[in-house]
Amino acid sequence: MKRLWILSLIVLFISSELYTQERELKVKVYKTWVTTIDGAKIKGYLHSADAEGIMVNPGKDLLSQDLIAIESQEISKIKVRRKGQVLIGAVAGFAVGATVGILLNESDDSSSGWDLTPDYWDAIAVGSTAAIGTGLGALAATGRRSFDINGSLETYAAQLPLLQKYSYLVE
């Protein structure tokens, strides 16, 4: 049980340290799902947005020039979600679930101090709460921001500043 507690703390500190390191230029990349007026669905990453329409990068290489241009009057709906958000939610859920499992198991012990003998039921209980926390964290992070355009130029123009915030083209 002590090893699991120490391992959880190490994972928590390493993940927070990696997350807080400074980077020269951090560009937020958003996955994009576009539905056109005729019902076609286009998936990729939101490259840029301007008054004429949006550019979607369908590949994983963000430096690729194989972009799909979609005119604003052809857009029915746009959904965006930050790339990697589900993984971040799953890691956070795991950390919370493991911590809750450890705290619940420690409160059940009538003896004081750490028991160095392995107790498999405690490990199963902590693993179960960690798994539940991982699932709930990933589920909570699957939310997408949705823009209903329906081919309207006025609606698109009103949503354009937000769409430009979600694009990864840095100008």
N, C-alpha and C. Protein backbone atom coordinates (compact mmCIF):
# COMPACT_ATOMS: atom_id res chain seq x y z
N MET A 1 0.83 -1.19 0.00
CA MET A 1 0.00 0.00 0.00
C MET A 1 0.87 1.25 0.00
N LYS A 2 1.99 1.17 0.73
CA LYS A 2 2.89 2.31 0.80
C LYS A 2 3.49 2.60 -0.57
N ARG A 3 3.83 1.52 -1.29
CA ARG A 3 4.41 1.71 -2.63
C ARG A 3 3.43 2.37 -3.58
N LEU A 4 2.16 2.00 -3.49
CA LEU A 4 1.15 2.60 -4.35
C LEU A 4 0.97 4.08 -4.02
N TRP A 5 1.00 4.42 -2.76
CA TRP A 5 0.87 5.82 -2.32
C TRP A 5 2.05 6.64 -2.85
N ILE A 6 3.26 6.11 -2.70
CA ILE A 6 4.46 6.81 -3.18
C ILE A 6 4.42 6.94 -4.70
N LEU A 7 4.03 5.88 -5.39
CA LEU A 7 3.94 5.92 -6.85
C LEU A 7 2.91 6.95 -7.32
N SER A 8 1.79 7.04 -6.63
CA SER A 8 0.78 8.03 -6.99
C SER A 8 1.31 9.45 -6.81
N LEU A 9 2.03 9.68 -5.72
CA LEU A 9 2.62 11.01 -5.50
C LEU A 9 3.66 11.35 -6.56
N ILE A 10 4.49 10.38 -6.94
CA ILE A 10 5.50 10.62 -7.97
C ILE A 10 4.83 10.97 -9.29
N VAL A 11 3.82 10.20 -9.68
CA VAL A 11 3.10 10.48 -10.93
C VAL A 11 2.46 11.86 -10.89
N LEU A 12 1.87 12.21 -9.76
CA LEU A 12 1.22 13.51 -9.62
C LEU A 12 2.23 14.65 -9.76
N PHE A 13 3.37 14.55 -9.10
CA PHE A 13 4.37 15.61 -9.16
C PHE A 13 5.03 15.70 -10.53
N ILE A 14 5.31 14.56 -11.16
CA ILE A 14 5.94 14.58 -12.48
C ILE A 14 4.98 15.17 -13.50
N SER A 15 3.72 14.78 -13.46
CA SER A 15 2.76 15.31 -14.43
C SER A 15 2.56 16.80 -14.25
N SER A 16 2.53 17.27 -13.01
CA SER A 16 2.36 18.71 -12.80
C SER A 16 3.61 19.47 -13.21
N GLU A 17 4.80 18.89 -13.02
CA GLU A 17 6.04 19.54 -13.42
C GLU A 17 6.13 19.63 -14.94
N LEU A 18 5.76 18.57 -15.63
CA LEU A 18 5.79 18.60 -17.09
C LEU A 18 4.78 19.59 -17.64
N TYR A 19 3.66 19.72 -16.97
CA TYR A 19 2.61 20.61 -17.44
C TYR A 19 2.97 22.08 -17.24
N THR A 20 3.76 22.38 -16.21
CA THR A 20 4.05 23.78 -15.91
C THR A 20 5.36 24.28 -16.50
N GLN A 21 6.10 23.45 -17.22
CA GLN A 21 7.34 23.91 -17.84
C GLN A 21 7.03 24.97 -18.88
N GLU A 22 7.90 25.98 -18.92
CA GLU A 22 7.70 27.06 -19.89
C GLU A 22 8.14 26.59 -21.27
N ARG A 23 7.40 27.02 -22.26
CA ARG A 23 7.73 26.71 -23.64
C ARG A 23 7.83 28.03 -24.38
N GLU A 24 8.60 28.02 -25.47
CA GLU A 24 8.81 29.26 -26.20
C GLU A 24 7.51 29.82 -26.76
N LEU A 25 6.81 29.03 -27.53
CA LEU A 25 5.54 29.46 -28.09
C LEU A 25 4.60 28.27 -28.08
N LYS A 26 3.56 28.39 -27.33
CA LYS A 26 2.61 27.29 -27.25
C LYS A 26 1.39 27.64 -28.08
N VAL A 27 1.17 26.86 -29.10
CA VAL A 27 0.02 27.05 -29.97
C VAL A 27 -1.02 26.02 -29.59
N LYS A 28 -2.20 26.49 -29.28
CA LYS A 28 -3.29 25.58 -28.95
C LYS A 28 -3.91 25.08 -30.24
N VAL A 29 -4.03 23.78 -30.34
CA VAL A 29 -4.58 23.15 -31.53
C VAL A 29 -5.93 22.54 -31.17
N TYR A 30 -6.92 22.79 -32.01
CA TYR A 30 -8.28 22.30 -31.76
C TYR A 30 -8.71 21.35 -32.86
N LYS A 31 -9.20 20.18 -32.44
CA LYS A 31 -9.81 19.26 -33.39
C LYS A 31 -11.12 19.88 -33.85
N THR A 32 -11.44 19.66 -35.10
CA THR A 32 -12.62 20.30 -35.68
C THR A 32 -13.45 19.28 -36.45
N TRP A 33 -14.75 19.39 -36.28
CA TRP A 33 -15.71 18.61 -37.04
C TRP A 33 -16.64 19.60 -37.72
N VAL A 34 -16.65 19.59 -39.05
CA VAL A 34 -17.47 20.53 -39.81
C VAL A 34 -18.52 19.74 -40.57
N THR A 35 -19.77 20.18 -40.45
CA THR A 35 -20.86 19.61 -41.24
C THR A 35 -21.29 20.68 -42.23
N THR A 36 -21.31 20.32 -43.51
CA THR A 36 -21.70 21.29 -44.53
C THR A 36 -23.20 21.24 -44.76
N ILE A 37 -23.69 22.21 -45.53
CA ILE A 37 -25.13 22.30 -45.82
C ILE A 37 -25.63 21.03 -46.51
N ASP A 38 -24.81 20.45 -47.40
CA ASP A 38 -25.25 19.25 -48.13
C ASP A 38 -25.06 17.96 -47.31
N GLY A 39 -24.62 18.06 -46.04
CA GLY A 39 -24.52 16.90 -45.16
C GLY A 39 -23.15 16.25 -45.10
N ALA A 40 -22.17 16.75 -45.85
CA ALA A 40 -20.82 16.18 -45.80
C ALA A 40 -20.17 16.52 -44.46
N LYS A 41 -19.37 15.59 -43.96
CA LYS A 41 -18.68 15.80 -42.69
C LYS A 41 -17.17 15.82 -42.96
N ILE A 42 -16.52 16.84 -42.42
CA ILE A 42 -15.08 17.01 -42.59
C ILE A 42 -14.46 17.07 -41.21
N LYS A 43 -13.44 16.21 -40.97
CA LYS A 43 -12.74 16.18 -39.69
C LYS A 43 -11.30 16.62 -39.90
N GLY A 44 -10.76 17.27 -38.90
CA GLY A 44 -9.36 17.69 -38.97
C GLY A 44 -9.06 18.67 -37.86
N TYR A 45 -8.15 19.59 -38.16
CA TYR A 45 -7.75 20.62 -37.20
C TYR A 45 -8.04 21.98 -37.82
N LEU A 46 -8.57 22.89 -37.01
CA LEU A 46 -8.93 24.22 -37.50
C LEU A 46 -7.65 25.02 -37.74
N HIS A 47 -7.33 25.23 -39.01
CA HIS A 47 -6.11 25.94 -39.40
C HIS A 47 -6.30 27.44 -39.31
N SER A 48 -7.36 27.96 -39.95
CA SER A 48 -7.60 29.40 -39.93
C SER A 48 -9.07 29.68 -40.25
N ALA A 49 -9.48 30.89 -39.92
CA ALA A 49 -10.84 31.35 -40.22
C ALA A 49 -10.76 32.81 -40.63
N ASP A 50 -11.46 33.14 -41.70
CA ASP A 50 -11.53 34.53 -42.15
C ASP A 50 -12.94 34.80 -42.66
N ALA A 51 -13.16 35.97 -43.25
CA ALA A 51 -14.50 36.37 -43.67
C ALA A 51 -15.06 35.47 -44.77
N GLU A 52 -14.19 34.85 -45.57
CA GLU A 52 -14.67 33.99 -46.66
C GLU A 52 -15.02 32.58 -46.20
N GLY A 53 -14.37 32.09 -45.15
CA GLY A 53 -14.64 30.73 -44.69
C GLY A 53 -13.53 30.24 -43.78
N ILE A 54 -13.46 28.92 -43.63
CA ILE A 54 -12.45 28.32 -42.76
C ILE A 54 -11.57 27.38 -43.56
N MET A 55 -10.38 27.13 -43.01
CA MET A 55 -9.44 26.17 -43.58
C MET A 55 -9.25 25.07 -42.55
N VAL A 56 -9.42 23.82 -42.98
CA VAL A 56 -9.29 22.67 -42.10
C VAL A 56 -8.14 21.80 -42.59
N ASN A 57 -7.26 21.43 -41.68
CA ASN A 57 -6.16 20.53 -41.99
C ASN A 57 -6.61 19.11 -41.64
N PRO A 58 -6.81 18.24 -42.64
CA PRO A 58 -7.31 16.89 -42.34
C PRO A 58 -6.24 15.94 -41.82
N GLY A 59 -4.95 16.29 -41.95
CA GLY A 59 -3.88 15.39 -41.53
C GLY A 59 -3.38 15.67 -40.14
N LYS A 60 -2.52 14.76 -39.65
CA LYS A 60 -1.94 14.93 -38.33
C LYS A 60 -0.75 15.88 -38.36
N ASP A 61 -0.14 16.06 -39.53
CA ASP A 61 0.99 16.97 -39.67
C ASP A 61 0.45 18.40 -39.77
N LEU A 62 0.66 19.20 -38.72
CA LEU A 62 0.10 20.54 -38.69
C LEU A 62 0.80 21.50 -39.65
N LEU A 63 1.98 21.13 -40.14
CA LEU A 63 2.69 21.97 -41.10
C LEU A 63 2.32 21.65 -42.54
N SER A 64 1.45 20.68 -42.72
CA SER A 64 1.03 20.27 -44.05
C SER A 64 0.26 21.39 -44.75
N GLN A 65 0.42 21.45 -46.05
CA GLN A 65 -0.29 22.45 -46.84
C GLN A 65 -1.51 21.85 -47.54
N ASP A 66 -1.86 20.62 -47.23
CA ASP A 66 -3.05 19.98 -47.79
C ASP A 66 -4.27 20.39 -46.97
N LEU A 67 -4.76 21.59 -47.22
CA LEU A 67 -5.86 22.14 -46.45
C LEU A 67 -7.15 22.08 -47.24
N ILE A 68 -8.25 21.96 -46.53
CA ILE A 68 -9.57 21.96 -47.15
C ILE A 68 -10.21 23.31 -46.85
N ALA A 69 -10.57 24.03 -47.89
CA ALA A 69 -11.23 25.33 -47.73
C ALA A 69 -12.74 25.12 -47.78
N ILE A 70 -13.43 25.69 -46.81
CA ILE A 70 -14.89 25.59 -46.75
C ILE A 70 -15.43 27.01 -46.68
N GLU A 71 -16.24 27.37 -47.66
CA GLU A 71 -16.81 28.72 -47.70
C GLU A 71 -17.84 28.88 -46.59
N SER A 72 -17.97 30.10 -46.10
CA SER A 72 -18.83 30.35 -44.95
C SER A 72 -20.30 30.01 -45.22
N GLN A 73 -20.79 30.24 -46.43
CA GLN A 73 -22.20 29.94 -46.72
C GLN A 73 -22.46 28.44 -46.91
N GLU A 74 -21.39 27.63 -46.94
CA GLU A 74 -21.54 26.17 -47.07
C GLU A 74 -21.51 25.46 -45.72
N ILE A 75 -21.25 26.20 -44.64
CA ILE A 75 -21.09 25.59 -43.32
C ILE A 75 -22.44 25.51 -42.61
N SER A 76 -22.75 24.31 -42.14
CA SER A 76 -23.96 24.13 -41.34
C SER A 76 -23.63 24.17 -39.85
N LYS A 77 -22.61 23.40 -39.43
CA LYS A 77 -22.25 23.33 -38.02
C LYS A 77 -20.75 23.09 -37.90
N ILE A 78 -20.15 23.71 -36.88
CA ILE A 78 -18.74 23.51 -36.57
C ILE A 78 -18.64 23.12 -35.10
N LYS A 79 -17.88 22.06 -34.83
CA LYS A 79 -17.61 21.64 -33.46
C LYS A 79 -16.10 21.64 -33.26
N VAL A 80 -15.65 22.15 -32.12
CA VAL A 80 -14.23 22.17 -31.82
C VAL A 80 -13.99 21.63 -30.40
N ARG A 81 -12.84 20.97 -30.24
CA ARG A 81 -12.38 20.50 -28.93
C ARG A 81 -10.86 20.54 -28.95
N ARG A 82 -10.28 20.97 -27.86
CA ARG A 82 -8.83 21.10 -27.80
C ARG A 82 -8.17 19.74 -27.91
N LYS A 83 -7.13 19.67 -28.73
CA LYS A 83 -6.39 18.43 -28.93
C LYS A 83 -5.74 18.01 -27.62
N GLY A 84 -5.89 16.74 -27.26
CA GLY A 84 -5.30 16.21 -26.05
C GLY A 84 -6.11 16.44 -24.79
N GLN A 85 -7.25 17.06 -24.90
CA GLN A 85 -8.07 17.39 -23.73
C GLN A 85 -8.58 16.14 -23.03
N VAL A 86 -8.91 15.11 -23.79
CA VAL A 86 -9.42 13.87 -23.19
C VAL A 86 -8.32 13.20 -22.36
N LEU A 87 -7.10 13.20 -22.86
CA LEU A 87 -5.98 12.61 -22.12
C LEU A 87 -5.72 13.37 -20.82
N ILE A 88 -5.77 14.68 -20.87
CA ILE A 88 -5.58 15.49 -19.66
C ILE A 88 -6.68 15.18 -18.65
N GLY A 89 -7.91 15.07 -19.11
CA GLY A 89 -9.02 14.72 -18.22
C GLY A 89 -8.86 13.34 -17.61
N ALA A 90 -8.37 12.39 -18.41
CA ALA A 90 -8.18 11.03 -17.91
C ALA A 90 -7.08 10.98 -16.85
N VAL A 91 -5.99 11.70 -17.07
CA VAL A 91 -4.90 11.73 -16.09
C VAL A 91 -5.36 12.38 -14.79
N ALA A 92 -6.07 13.48 -14.91
CA ALA A 92 -6.58 14.15 -13.71
C ALA A 92 -7.56 13.25 -12.97
N GLY A 93 -8.44 12.57 -13.70
CA GLY A 93 -9.39 11.64 -13.08
C GLY A 93 -8.70 10.49 -12.40
N PHE A 94 -7.62 9.98 -13.02
CA PHE A 94 -6.85 8.90 -12.41
C PHE A 94 -6.24 9.35 -11.09
N ALA A 95 -5.64 10.54 -11.10
CA ALA A 95 -5.00 11.05 -9.88
C ALA A 95 -6.02 11.23 -8.76
N VAL A 96 -7.16 11.80 -9.09
CA VAL A 96 -8.20 12.01 -8.07
C VAL A 96 -8.76 10.67 -7.60
N GLY A 97 -9.03 9.76 -8.53
CA GLY A 97 -9.58 8.45 -8.15
C GLY A 97 -8.62 7.65 -7.29
N ALA A 98 -7.34 7.65 -7.64
CA ALA A 98 -6.35 6.92 -6.84
C ALA A 98 -6.21 7.53 -5.46
N THR A 99 -6.22 8.86 -5.40
CA THR A 99 -6.10 9.53 -4.10
C THR A 99 -7.30 9.22 -3.22
N VAL A 100 -8.49 9.28 -3.79
CA VAL A 100 -9.70 8.96 -3.02
C VAL A 100 -9.66 7.51 -2.56
N GLY A 101 -9.23 6.61 -3.41
CA GLY A 101 -9.13 5.19 -3.02
C GLY A 101 -8.14 4.98 -1.89
N ILE A 102 -7.01 5.66 -1.97
CA ILE A 102 -6.00 5.53 -0.91
C ILE A 102 -6.54 6.09 0.40
N LEU A 103 -7.18 7.25 0.34
CA LEU A 103 -7.71 7.85 1.56
C LEU A 103 -8.82 7.01 2.18
N LEU A 104 -9.66 6.43 1.34
CA LEU A 104 -10.73 5.57 1.86
C LEU A 104 -10.16 4.31 2.49
N ASN A 105 -9.13 3.73 1.89
CA ASN A 105 -8.52 2.53 2.45
C ASN A 105 -7.77 2.83 3.74
N GLU A 106 -7.14 3.99 3.82
CA GLU A 106 -6.43 4.35 5.04
C GLU A 106 -7.40 4.60 6.19
N SER A 107 -8.57 5.13 5.87
CA SER A 107 -9.55 5.39 6.94
C SER A 107 -10.18 4.10 7.45
N ASP A 108 -10.14 3.03 6.67
CA ASP A 108 -10.70 1.75 7.10
C ASP A 108 -9.77 0.98 8.03
N ASP A 109 -8.48 1.26 7.99
CA ASP A 109 -7.52 0.52 8.81
C ASP A 109 -7.66 0.92 10.26
N SER A 110 -7.73 -0.09 11.11
CA SER A 110 -7.81 0.20 12.55
C SER A 110 -6.42 0.35 13.15
N SER A 111 -5.40 -0.20 12.47
CA SER A 111 -4.04 -0.09 13.00
C SER A 111 -3.44 1.25 12.58
N SER A 112 -2.49 1.68 13.35
CA SER A 112 -1.84 2.94 13.00
C SER A 112 -0.55 2.65 12.24
N GLY A 113 -0.15 3.57 11.38
CA GLY A 113 1.09 3.42 10.63
C GLY A 113 0.87 2.64 9.34
N TRP A 114 1.96 2.45 8.63
CA TRP A 114 1.90 1.77 7.33
C TRP A 114 2.08 0.28 7.54
N ASP A 115 1.26 -0.48 6.85
CA ASP A 115 1.37 -1.93 6.88
C ASP A 115 2.19 -2.33 5.66
N LEU A 116 3.33 -2.95 5.89
CA LEU A 116 4.23 -3.27 4.77
C LEU A 116 3.87 -4.58 4.09
N THR A 117 2.97 -5.35 4.64
CA THR A 117 2.56 -6.59 3.98
C THR A 117 1.55 -6.24 2.90
N PRO A 118 1.63 -6.90 1.75
CA PRO A 118 0.70 -6.56 0.66
C PRO A 118 -0.72 -7.03 0.98
N ASP A 119 -1.65 -6.16 0.76
CA ASP A 119 -3.05 -6.48 0.95
C ASP A 119 -3.72 -6.31 -0.42
N TYR A 120 -4.04 -7.41 -1.04
CA TYR A 120 -4.53 -7.38 -2.41
C TYR A 120 -5.90 -6.72 -2.52
N TRP A 121 -6.72 -6.84 -1.49
CA TRP A 121 -8.03 -6.21 -1.56
C TRP A 121 -7.92 -4.69 -1.56
N ASP A 122 -6.95 -4.17 -0.81
CA ASP A 122 -6.70 -2.72 -0.83
C ASP A 122 -6.25 -2.27 -2.21
N ALA A 123 -5.37 -3.06 -2.81
CA ALA A 123 -4.88 -2.71 -4.15
C ALA A 123 -6.01 -2.75 -5.17
N ILE A 124 -6.89 -3.73 -5.05
CA ILE A 124 -8.02 -3.81 -5.97
C ILE A 124 -8.96 -2.63 -5.77
N ALA A 125 -9.18 -2.24 -4.52
CA ALA A 125 -10.07 -1.10 -4.24
C ALA A 125 -9.49 0.20 -4.78
N VAL A 126 -8.18 0.41 -4.57
CA VAL A 126 -7.54 1.63 -5.08
C VAL A 126 -7.54 1.62 -6.61
N GLY A 127 -7.23 0.48 -7.18
CA GLY A 127 -7.24 0.36 -8.65
C GLY A 127 -8.63 0.61 -9.22
N SER A 128 -9.64 0.14 -8.54
CA SER A 128 -11.01 0.35 -9.01
C SER A 128 -11.41 1.82 -8.97
N THR A 129 -11.09 2.50 -7.86
CA THR A 129 -11.44 3.92 -7.80
C THR A 129 -10.61 4.72 -8.80
N ALA A 130 -9.36 4.31 -9.04
CA ALA A 130 -8.54 4.99 -10.05
C ALA A 130 -9.13 4.78 -11.45
N ALA A 131 -9.59 3.57 -11.74
CA ALA A 131 -10.19 3.30 -13.05
C ALA A 131 -11.48 4.08 -13.24
N ILE A 132 -12.29 4.13 -12.20
CA ILE A 132 -13.54 4.90 -12.28
C ILE A 132 -13.23 6.38 -12.47
N GLY A 133 -12.24 6.89 -11.73
CA GLY A 133 -11.84 8.29 -11.88
C GLY A 133 -11.31 8.58 -13.28
N THR A 134 -10.54 7.65 -13.86
CA THR A 134 -10.02 7.83 -15.21
C THR A 134 -11.17 7.92 -16.21
N GLY A 135 -12.12 7.02 -16.09
CA GLY A 135 -13.27 7.05 -17.00
C GLY A 135 -14.09 8.31 -16.88
N LEU A 136 -14.34 8.73 -15.64
CA LEU A 136 -15.13 9.95 -15.43
C LEU A 136 -14.38 11.19 -15.92
N GLY A 137 -13.06 11.23 -15.70
CA GLY A 137 -12.27 12.37 -16.16
C GLY A 137 -12.25 12.46 -17.68
N ALA A 138 -12.08 11.32 -18.34
CA ALA A 138 -12.09 11.30 -19.80
C ALA A 138 -13.47 11.68 -20.34
N LEU A 139 -14.52 11.19 -19.70
CA LEU A 139 -15.88 11.51 -20.13
C LEU A 139 -16.17 13.00 -19.96
N ALA A 140 -15.71 13.57 -18.86
CA ALA A 140 -15.94 15.00 -18.62
C ALA A 140 -15.21 15.87 -19.64
N ALA A 141 -14.10 15.39 -20.18
CA ALA A 141 -13.30 16.19 -21.10
C ALA A 141 -13.70 16.01 -22.56
N THR A 142 -14.70 15.19 -22.85
CA THR A 142 -15.08 14.95 -24.24
C THR A 142 -15.99 16.03 -24.80
N GLY A 143 -16.32 17.01 -24.01
CA GLY A 143 -17.23 18.06 -24.47
C GLY A 143 -16.66 18.87 -25.63
N ARG A 144 -17.51 19.25 -26.54
CA ARG A 144 -17.11 20.04 -27.71
C ARG A 144 -17.87 21.35 -27.71
N ARG A 145 -17.21 22.39 -28.18
CA ARG A 145 -17.87 23.68 -28.38
C ARG A 145 -18.51 23.64 -29.76
N SER A 146 -19.77 23.99 -29.86
CA SER A 146 -20.50 23.87 -31.11
C SER A 146 -20.95 25.24 -31.60
N PHE A 147 -20.82 25.45 -32.91
CA PHE A 147 -21.27 26.67 -33.56
C PHE A 147 -22.28 26.29 -34.65
N ASP A 148 -23.52 26.73 -34.51
CA ASP A 148 -24.53 26.49 -35.54
C ASP A 148 -24.54 27.67 -36.49
N ILE A 149 -24.07 27.45 -37.71
CA ILE A 149 -23.98 28.51 -38.71
C ILE A 149 -25.18 28.47 -39.66
N ASN A 150 -25.55 27.26 -40.11
CA ASN A 150 -26.68 27.02 -41.02
C ASN A 150 -26.61 27.86 -42.29
N GLY A 151 -25.41 28.11 -42.79
CA GLY A 151 -25.25 28.85 -44.05
C GLY A 151 -25.50 30.34 -43.96
N SER A 152 -25.71 30.87 -42.78
CA SER A 152 -26.01 32.28 -42.60
C SER A 152 -24.72 33.09 -42.49
N LEU A 153 -24.56 34.06 -43.35
CA LEU A 153 -23.36 34.91 -43.32
C LEU A 153 -23.33 35.78 -42.08
N GLU A 154 -24.49 36.22 -41.61
CA GLU A 154 -24.54 37.06 -40.40
C GLU A 154 -24.11 36.25 -39.17
N THR A 155 -24.60 35.03 -39.06
CA THR A 155 -24.23 34.19 -37.93
C THR A 155 -22.74 33.86 -37.97
N TYR A 156 -22.24 33.56 -39.18
CA TYR A 156 -20.82 33.26 -39.33
C TYR A 156 -19.97 34.47 -38.93
N ALA A 157 -20.37 35.66 -39.37
CA ALA A 157 -19.62 36.88 -39.05
C ALA A 157 -19.63 37.14 -37.54
N ALA A 158 -20.73 36.83 -36.88
CA ALA A 158 -20.80 37.02 -35.43
C ALA A 158 -19.90 36.04 -34.69
N GLN A 159 -19.74 34.82 -35.21
CA GLN A 159 -18.93 33.79 -34.57
C GLN A 159 -17.46 33.82 -35.01
N LEU A 160 -17.13 34.62 -36.01
CA LEU A 160 -15.78 34.64 -36.57
C LEU A 160 -14.69 34.95 -35.55
N PRO A 161 -14.84 35.93 -34.66
CA PRO A 161 -13.77 36.16 -33.68
C PRO A 161 -13.46 34.95 -32.80
N LEU A 162 -14.48 34.21 -32.41
CA LEU A 162 -14.25 32.99 -31.61
C LEU A 162 -13.58 31.91 -32.45
N LEU A 163 -14.01 31.75 -33.69
CA LEU A 163 -13.39 30.77 -34.56
C LEU A 163 -11.92 31.09 -34.79
N GLN A 164 -11.58 32.36 -34.89
CA GLN A 164 -10.19 32.74 -35.07
C GLN A 164 -9.37 32.42 -33.82
N LYS A 165 -9.98 32.49 -32.64
CA LYS A 165 -9.28 32.11 -31.42
C LYS A 165 -8.96 30.62 -31.41
N TYR A 166 -9.83 29.82 -32.01
CA TYR A 166 -9.63 28.37 -32.02
C TYR A 166 -8.72 27.89 -33.14
N SER A 167 -8.33 28.75 -34.06
CA SER A 167 -7.45 28.33 -35.15
C SER A 167 -6.00 28.33 -34.68
N TYR A 168 -5.18 27.47 -35.27
CA TYR A 168 -3.79 27.38 -34.83
C TYR A 168 -2.86 28.20 -35.71
N LEU A 169 -3.35 28.87 -36.73
CA LEU A 169 -2.51 29.73 -37.56
C LEU A 169 -2.16 30.97 -36.77
N VAL A 170 -0.89 31.16 -36.47
CA VAL A 170 -0.44 32.30 -35.72
C VAL A 170 0.02 33.37 -36.70
N GLU A 171 -0.60 34.52 -36.64
CA GLU A 171 -0.24 35.59 -37.56
C GLU A 171 0.48 36.70 -36.84
